[in-house]
């Protein structure tokens, strides 16, 4: 029976994968991978020999229809990204949407994603929050930040180490130097760390510190008006 499985993969530590995910990756007819080289390292660790096919932001527009036809023809496929859950700031949504249009079964397996441990570890209230992913690099960036000025929920962002300082500077300008935030990097890896403080304190810290690895920024929301 045809089905698309959405399979989360570890965000750093290769042991952070479920037994169910391993079984599915062994049983499907093929695996769609954002980077086949990175996925091959994971498959080798768990003795998985399922064929790999490249599916990433540079080819998804061209091959999504072809993949959906394979699924409609009876194949079972899994989609994975380099780390975390497909579709969360990674390829996946386009294929899911096409499968829904064609009445192809979809099953999302619970598993790793970077923003959850960063959010819980931040020390900032997370009973309600909004996930913003990566901010636009240029066009629309200021407009997006302006729209978030009055957001009262905790906000979660992904960021590159090369843009971290610039982003913190902009956050300080838009949200105020005293706004509380936390920056997590290298989650689940040997050098995992979370730095917490005001935007002013975080900016001072990272302006003097070389940063590597994927980053998650957790930013407290605006205090609700007491009026």
Protein backbone atom coordinates (compact mmCIF):
# COMPACT_ATOMS: atom_id res chain seq x y z
CA UNK A 1 0.00 0.00 0.00
CA UNK A 2 1.44 3.37 -1.02
CA UNK A 3 2.32 5.80 1.74
CA UNK A 4 4.64 8.70 2.42
CA UNK A 5 6.38 8.55 5.79
CA UNK A 6 7.76 11.77 7.26
CA UNK A 7 10.68 10.61 9.38
CA UNK A 8 12.58 12.91 11.78
CA UNK A 9 16.31 12.31 12.08
CA UNK A 10 18.76 13.28 14.85
CA UNK A 11 19.76 16.93 15.09
CA UNK A 12 23.25 16.02 16.23
CA UNK A 13 23.60 12.89 18.34
CA UNK A 14 22.90 9.91 16.06
CA UNK A 15 21.42 7.98 18.98
CA UNK A 16 18.41 10.32 19.01
CA UNK A 17 16.31 8.28 16.61
CA UNK A 18 13.34 6.10 17.46
CA UNK A 19 13.14 2.34 16.98
CA UNK A 20 10.06 2.91 14.84
CA UNK A 21 11.91 5.35 12.58
CA UNK A 22 14.70 2.81 12.06
CA UNK A 23 12.17 0.10 11.17
CA UNK A 24 10.36 2.30 8.67
CA UNK A 25 13.59 3.41 7.00
CA UNK A 26 14.44 -0.28 6.52
CA UNK A 27 11.02 -1.23 5.17
CA UNK A 28 10.20 1.53 2.67
CA UNK A 29 11.02 1.25 -1.04
CA UNK A 30 13.11 4.41 -1.02
CA UNK A 31 14.26 7.36 1.09
CA UNK A 32 14.12 10.96 -0.10
CA UNK A 33 17.05 12.80 1.49
CA UNK A 34 18.03 16.46 1.64
CA UNK A 35 21.73 15.49 1.49
CA UNK A 36 22.32 11.85 0.59
CA UNK A 37 25.85 11.93 2.01
CA UNK A 38 24.69 12.99 5.47
CA UNK A 39 21.79 10.56 5.45
CA UNK A 40 24.10 7.74 4.35
CA UNK A 41 26.14 8.17 7.55
CA UNK A 42 22.97 7.70 9.60
CA UNK A 43 21.85 4.69 7.56
CA UNK A 44 25.26 3.06 7.82
CA UNK A 45 25.17 3.35 11.61
CA UNK A 46 21.91 1.40 11.75
CA UNK A 47 22.68 -1.04 8.91
CA UNK A 48 19.97 0.37 6.64
CA UNK A 49 20.41 -0.35 2.93
CA UNK A 50 17.32 1.28 1.46
CA UNK A 51 17.95 3.22 -1.80
CA UNK A 52 18.48 6.97 -1.39
CA UNK A 53 17.22 9.73 -3.66
CA UNK A 54 18.05 13.44 -3.47
CA UNK A 55 15.15 15.71 -2.55
CA UNK A 56 16.09 19.26 -1.56
CA UNK A 57 15.16 22.91 -2.06
CA UNK A 58 16.95 23.07 -5.42
CA UNK A 59 15.07 20.20 -7.07
CA UNK A 60 11.77 19.80 -5.18
CA UNK A 61 9.83 21.99 -7.63
CA UNK A 62 10.96 19.80 -10.52
CA UNK A 63 10.53 16.32 -9.05
CA UNK A 64 7.64 16.55 -6.57
CA UNK A 65 5.09 15.52 -9.22
CA UNK A 66 7.26 12.58 -10.31
CA UNK A 67 7.60 11.39 -6.72
CA UNK A 68 3.87 11.68 -6.09
CA UNK A 69 3.29 9.54 -9.19
CA UNK A 70 5.59 6.87 -7.79
CA UNK A 71 3.62 6.92 -4.56
CA UNK A 72 0.32 6.79 -6.41
CA UNK A 73 1.69 3.77 -8.28
CA UNK A 74 2.04 1.79 -5.05
CA UNK A 75 5.48 2.60 -3.66
CA UNK A 76 6.16 3.47 -0.03
CA UNK A 77 8.68 6.27 0.49
CA UNK A 78 10.17 8.08 3.46
CA UNK A 79 11.35 11.67 3.45
CA UNK A 80 14.14 12.84 5.75
CA UNK A 81 16.19 16.01 6.07
CA UNK A 82 19.74 16.56 7.28
CA UNK A 83 18.46 16.98 10.83
CA UNK A 84 15.11 17.21 12.54
CA UNK A 85 11.61 16.93 11.13
CA UNK A 86 11.00 17.42 7.38
CA UNK A 87 8.96 20.51 6.62
CA UNK A 88 10.20 22.47 9.65
CA UNK A 89 12.41 25.02 7.84
CA UNK A 90 13.39 22.18 5.50
CA UNK A 91 11.92 20.58 2.34
CA UNK A 92 8.80 18.49 2.82
CA UNK A 93 5.71 20.69 2.74
CA UNK A 94 5.42 20.74 -1.04
CA UNK A 95 5.40 16.95 -1.27
CA UNK A 96 2.96 16.58 1.62
CA UNK A 97 0.57 19.02 -0.03
CA UNK A 98 0.77 17.15 -3.35
CA UNK A 99 0.13 13.80 -1.65
CA UNK A 100 -2.94 15.22 0.09
CA UNK A 101 -4.25 16.43 -3.28
CA UNK A 102 -3.82 12.92 -4.69
CA UNK A 103 -5.30 11.14 -1.64
CA UNK A 104 -2.01 9.42 -0.89
CA UNK A 105 -1.65 8.30 2.71
CA UNK A 106 0.81 10.28 4.84
CA UNK A 107 2.19 9.35 8.24
CA UNK A 108 4.42 11.64 10.31
CA UNK A 109 6.61 9.86 12.85
CA UNK A 110 7.29 11.73 16.11
CA UNK A 111 10.90 12.58 16.71
CA UNK A 112 13.68 15.12 16.88
CA UNK A 113 13.34 18.81 16.12
CA UNK A 114 15.69 21.52 17.30
CA UNK A 115 13.32 24.17 18.62
CA UNK A 116 11.66 22.04 21.33
CA UNK A 117 14.74 21.39 23.52
CA UNK A 118 15.90 24.98 22.98
CA UNK A 119 12.52 26.31 24.06
CA UNK A 120 12.27 24.14 27.15
CA UNK A 121 15.88 24.89 28.15
CA UNK A 122 15.56 28.66 27.67
CA UNK A 123 14.01 29.48 31.03
CA UNK A 124 11.50 31.67 29.18
CA UNK A 125 7.78 30.86 29.54
CA UNK A 126 6.63 28.44 26.85
CA UNK A 127 3.03 27.67 27.76
CA UNK A 128 2.27 29.54 24.52
CA UNK A 129 4.78 30.34 21.79
CA UNK A 130 5.12 30.95 18.07
CA UNK A 131 7.70 29.41 15.77
CA UNK A 132 9.10 31.86 13.22
CA UNK A 133 11.91 29.76 11.72
CA UNK A 134 14.46 31.70 9.67
CA UNK A 135 13.76 35.39 9.18
CA UNK A 136 13.91 36.68 5.59
CA UNK A 137 17.51 37.57 4.77
CA UNK A 138 16.72 40.85 3.00
CA UNK A 139 13.36 41.54 1.41
CA UNK A 140 10.62 41.60 3.99
CA UNK A 141 12.94 41.27 7.00
CA UNK A 142 12.18 44.66 8.54
CA UNK A 143 8.48 44.28 7.84
CA UNK A 144 8.49 40.91 9.59
CA UNK A 145 10.30 42.27 12.64
CA UNK A 146 7.91 45.21 12.80
CA UNK A 147 4.96 42.81 12.78
CA UNK A 148 6.41 41.01 15.81
CA UNK A 149 6.84 44.09 18.02
CA UNK A 150 3.51 43.53 19.76
CA UNK A 151 3.76 39.71 19.95
CA UNK A 152 3.15 38.63 23.56
CA UNK A 153 3.98 34.98 23.07
CA UNK A 154 7.49 33.61 23.30
CA UNK A 155 9.07 33.57 19.83
CA UNK A 156 11.43 30.93 18.43
CA UNK A 157 13.82 31.56 15.54
CA UNK A 158 16.45 29.59 13.66
CA UNK A 159 19.61 31.45 12.69
CA UNK A 160 22.97 30.95 11.04
CA UNK A 161 26.10 31.61 13.11
CA UNK A 162 27.20 34.08 10.41
CA UNK A 163 24.11 36.26 10.96
CA UNK A 164 23.68 35.88 14.72
CA UNK A 165 25.20 39.20 15.81
CA UNK A 166 23.31 41.13 13.13
CA UNK A 167 20.07 39.48 14.21
CA UNK A 168 20.66 40.24 17.88
CA UNK A 169 21.39 43.87 16.98
CA UNK A 170 18.10 44.09 15.09
CA UNK A 171 16.23 42.38 17.93
CA UNK A 172 17.67 44.95 20.32
CA UNK A 173 16.50 47.77 18.04
CA UNK A 174 12.98 46.39 17.60
CA UNK A 175 12.29 44.78 20.98
CA UNK A 176 14.51 46.69 23.41
CA UNK A 177 17.85 45.98 25.06
CA UNK A 178 16.23 44.52 28.20
CA UNK A 179 14.10 41.90 26.43
CA UNK A 180 14.99 38.42 27.72
CA UNK A 181 16.27 35.81 25.28
CA UNK A 182 18.33 32.64 25.02
CA UNK A 183 20.60 31.30 22.30
CA UNK A 184 21.15 27.55 22.02
CA UNK A 185 23.77 26.00 19.77
CA UNK A 186 25.10 22.55 18.94
CA UNK A 187 22.07 20.91 20.56
CA UNK A 188 22.63 17.24 21.52
CA UNK A 189 26.32 17.49 20.56
CA UNK A 190 29.45 17.56 22.72
CA UNK A 191 29.69 21.36 22.80
CA UNK A 192 25.99 22.03 23.36
CA UNK A 193 25.36 25.25 25.26
CA UNK A 194 22.60 27.74 25.99
CA UNK A 195 23.40 31.36 26.80
CA UNK A 196 20.60 33.28 28.54
CA UNK A 197 20.16 36.95 29.36
CA UNK A 198 18.91 40.24 28.01
CA UNK A 199 19.42 41.06 24.34
CA UNK A 200 22.08 43.56 25.44
CA UNK A 201 23.93 40.85 27.38
CA UNK A 202 23.66 38.31 24.57
CA UNK A 203 24.89 40.84 22.03
CA UNK A 204 27.89 41.72 24.20
CA UNK A 205 28.69 38.02 24.62
CA UNK A 206 28.42 36.95 21.00
CA UNK A 207 30.16 40.05 19.67
CA UNK A 208 33.31 38.70 21.36
CA UNK A 209 32.72 35.00 20.72
CA UNK A 210 33.21 32.93 17.58
CA UNK A 211 30.14 30.78 17.03
CA UNK A 212 29.75 27.57 15.06
CA UNK A 213 26.87 25.20 14.53
CA UNK A 214 23.14 25.56 14.10
CA UNK A 215 21.46 28.10 16.38
CA UNK A 216 18.04 28.52 17.97
CA UNK A 217 17.04 31.88 19.44
CA UNK A 218 14.22 32.00 21.98
CA UNK A 219 12.87 35.50 22.56
CA UNK A 220 10.41 36.47 25.26
CA UNK A 221 7.23 38.19 24.14
CA UNK A 222 6.08 41.67 24.93
CA UNK A 223 4.68 42.09 28.42
CA UNK A 224 0.88 42.37 28.20
CA UNK A 225 -0.48 45.82 28.94
CA UNK A 226 -1.80 46.25 32.47
CA UNK A 227 -4.13 49.05 31.40
